[in-house]
Amino acid sequence: MKSRPWRWLPAMMIILTACTSGATTPDSSVTPYPTLDAVQVSRGREVYQQYCATCHGANAEGAANWATPGPDGLYPPPPHDDTGHTWHHSDRVLYEIIRDGMGDPLRPNSPLRMPAWGGTLSDADIRAVIEYFKSLWTAEYRRWQWDETLKDFAPTPTPP
């Protein structure tokens, strides 16, 4: 007698349909990262324009030739939009760079290339600047950055 494996196909289709009839599909309106707060973005842009735009550009585009080191071997200030690498860093790292400044990461104990703004900007101002940066990134980069933030979660102190 010849085997007919296809004869089970209708029964399998019925079983699969019954098993998945109660299943739900993900809601496409839910994003895997937080939505931006328009008030925070606006405040962040104001703070950015006052303290950061001189070096990083009025539209966060970075200094000219930012990806090429200067004669001193240091790189000019980078952009904070999608063309730069700001979105590679978690919220904690971005917060600490703004608060504490940054030297040359390849030269330990080097002088600060970016000044520390912790004595000038409030906690809320720093967080608003980060929110502004996020408004400049595509959804794909925001998702990636949010994943980095979740992997690196460590609460930053908030003054009383």
Protein backbone atom coordinates (compact mmCIF):
# COMPACT_ATOMS: atom_id res chain seq x y z
CA MET A 1 0.00 0.00 0.00
CA LYS A 2 1.30 3.43 -0.98
CA SER A 3 1.77 6.07 1.77
CA ARG A 4 -0.07 9.36 1.31
CA PRO A 5 1.46 11.92 3.74
CA TRP A 6 -0.63 14.73 2.27
CA ARG A 7 -3.83 13.14 3.56
CA TRP A 8 -3.02 14.58 7.01
CA LEU A 9 -2.76 18.11 5.67
CA PRO A 10 -6.44 19.08 6.11
CA ALA A 11 -6.44 17.78 9.69
CA MET A 12 -3.23 19.66 10.50
CA MET A 13 -4.69 22.88 9.06
CA ILE A 14 -7.76 22.54 11.28
CA ILE A 15 -5.62 21.88 14.37
CA LEU A 16 -3.30 24.81 13.65
CA THR A 17 -6.23 27.14 13.05
CA ALA A 18 -7.84 26.07 16.33
CA CYS A 19 -4.60 26.53 18.26
CA THR A 20 -3.89 30.00 16.92
CA SER A 21 -7.40 31.42 16.81
CA GLY A 22 -7.00 33.02 20.24
CA ALA A 23 -3.51 34.36 19.54
CA THR A 24 -3.01 38.06 19.24
CA THR A 25 -0.55 39.96 17.14
CA PRO A 26 1.65 42.69 18.57
CA ASP A 27 0.06 46.11 18.62
CA SER A 28 1.96 48.12 15.99
CA SER A 29 0.99 51.36 17.70
CA VAL A 30 3.16 50.50 20.73
CA THR A 31 6.78 51.59 20.34
CA PRO A 32 9.63 49.76 22.03
CA TYR A 33 11.09 53.02 23.31
CA PRO A 34 9.63 55.99 25.19
CA THR A 35 7.91 58.75 23.30
CA LEU A 36 9.55 62.15 23.34
CA ASP A 37 8.26 64.89 25.59
CA ALA A 38 7.76 67.96 23.37
CA VAL A 39 8.28 70.35 26.30
CA GLN A 40 11.56 68.62 27.18
CA VAL A 41 12.71 68.66 23.55
CA SER A 42 11.98 72.40 23.33
CA ARG A 43 13.78 73.12 26.61
CA GLY A 44 16.69 70.92 25.52
CA ARG A 45 17.00 72.81 22.25
CA GLU A 46 17.12 76.14 24.14
CA VAL A 47 19.84 74.86 26.48
CA TYR A 48 21.72 73.33 23.55
CA GLN A 49 21.63 76.61 21.60
CA GLN A 50 22.96 78.54 24.60
CA TYR A 51 25.73 76.16 25.71
CA CYS A 52 26.51 73.62 23.00
CA ALA A 53 25.86 75.09 19.54
CA THR A 54 29.07 77.13 19.48
CA CYS A 55 31.11 73.92 19.21
CA HIS A 56 28.62 71.32 17.95
CA GLY A 57 26.76 73.48 15.40
CA ALA A 58 23.45 75.33 15.46
CA ASN A 59 21.63 72.25 14.16
CA ALA A 60 23.78 69.68 16.01
CA GLU A 61 25.65 68.99 12.75
CA GLY A 62 29.09 69.00 14.40
CA ALA A 63 32.20 70.93 13.49
CA ALA A 64 33.52 70.88 9.94
CA ASN A 65 35.58 67.74 9.28
CA TRP A 66 34.55 66.33 12.65
CA ALA A 67 35.55 62.79 11.60
CA THR A 68 39.13 63.81 10.75
CA PRO A 69 41.67 64.42 13.51
CA GLY A 70 43.36 67.81 13.59
CA PRO A 71 47.14 68.40 13.67
CA ASP A 72 47.08 67.69 17.42
CA GLY A 73 45.51 64.27 16.77
CA LEU A 74 42.22 65.31 18.38
CA TYR A 75 38.87 65.13 16.66
CA PRO A 76 36.68 68.25 16.38
CA PRO A 77 33.29 68.26 18.15
CA PRO A 78 30.99 65.61 16.63
CA PRO A 79 27.39 66.01 15.50
CA HIS A 80 24.54 64.86 17.70
CA ASP A 81 22.17 63.96 14.88
CA ASP A 82 22.10 60.60 13.06
CA THR A 83 25.38 61.25 11.28
CA GLY A 84 27.41 61.21 14.49
CA HIS A 85 27.78 58.62 17.19
CA THR A 86 25.88 60.18 20.09
CA TRP A 87 23.10 57.62 19.67
CA HIS A 88 25.62 54.82 20.35
CA HIS A 89 25.71 55.83 24.02
CA SER A 90 23.26 55.10 26.81
CA ASP A 91 21.45 57.90 28.61
CA ARG A 92 23.80 57.44 31.57
CA VAL A 93 26.93 57.87 29.45
CA LEU A 94 25.51 60.95 27.70
CA TYR A 95 24.50 62.44 31.05
CA GLU A 96 27.96 61.87 32.53
CA ILE A 97 29.75 63.31 29.49
CA ILE A 98 27.69 66.49 29.66
CA ARG A 99 27.95 66.75 33.44
CA ASP A 100 31.64 65.82 33.84
CA GLY A 101 33.13 66.82 30.48
CA MET A 102 35.25 64.58 28.31
CA GLY A 103 38.91 64.21 27.51
CA ASP A 104 40.38 62.16 24.69
CA PRO A 105 39.04 58.65 25.32
CA LEU A 106 42.18 57.16 23.73
CA ARG A 107 44.50 59.15 26.00
CA PRO A 108 43.86 58.51 29.70
CA ASN A 109 44.15 61.58 31.94
CA SER A 110 44.15 63.91 28.94
CA PRO A 111 42.77 67.43 29.44
CA LEU A 112 39.05 67.92 28.88
CA ARG A 113 38.16 68.54 25.25
CA MET A 114 34.56 69.15 26.18
CA PRO A 115 33.96 71.22 29.30
CA ALA A 116 32.07 69.87 32.28
CA TRP A 117 28.64 71.50 32.46
CA GLY A 118 27.58 69.99 35.80
CA GLY A 119 28.35 73.20 37.66
CA THR A 120 26.36 75.28 35.17
CA LEU A 121 23.46 73.12 34.03
CA SER A 122 20.87 71.58 36.32
CA ASP A 123 20.04 67.90 36.26
CA ALA A 124 16.80 68.77 34.43
CA ASP A 125 18.68 70.84 31.82
CA ILE A 126 21.10 68.00 31.09
CA ARG A 127 18.24 65.54 30.72
CA ALA A 128 16.42 67.98 28.43
CA VAL A 129 19.49 68.27 26.18
CA ILE A 130 19.57 64.48 25.89
CA GLU A 131 15.86 64.50 25.01
CA TYR A 132 16.62 67.08 22.31
CA PHE A 133 19.35 64.84 20.87
CA LYS A 134 16.86 61.97 20.67
CA SER A 135 14.50 64.15 18.65
CA LEU A 136 17.22 64.35 15.97
CA TRP A 137 17.52 60.57 15.51
CA THR A 138 15.53 58.18 13.35
CA ALA A 139 13.25 55.64 14.99
CA GLU A 140 15.82 52.91 14.28
CA TYR A 141 18.59 54.79 16.11
CA ARG A 142 16.28 55.71 18.98
CA ARG A 143 15.36 52.04 19.42
CA TRP A 144 19.03 51.04 19.40
CA GLN A 145 19.95 53.78 21.88
CA TRP A 146 17.06 52.83 24.14
CA ASP A 147 18.31 49.22 24.18
CA GLU A 148 21.75 50.52 25.19
CA THR A 149 20.15 52.57 27.95
CA LEU A 150 18.25 49.57 29.28
CA LYS A 151 21.40 47.41 29.24
CA ASP A 152 23.34 50.13 31.07
CA PHE A 153 20.68 51.25 33.51
CA ALA A 154 22.11 52.89 36.58
CA PRO A 155 20.14 55.72 38.15
CA THR A 156 21.89 59.05 38.04
CA PRO A 157 21.58 61.08 41.22
CA THR A 158 18.96 63.76 41.24
CA PRO A 159 19.59 66.66 43.58
CA PRO A 160 16.95 67.16 46.30
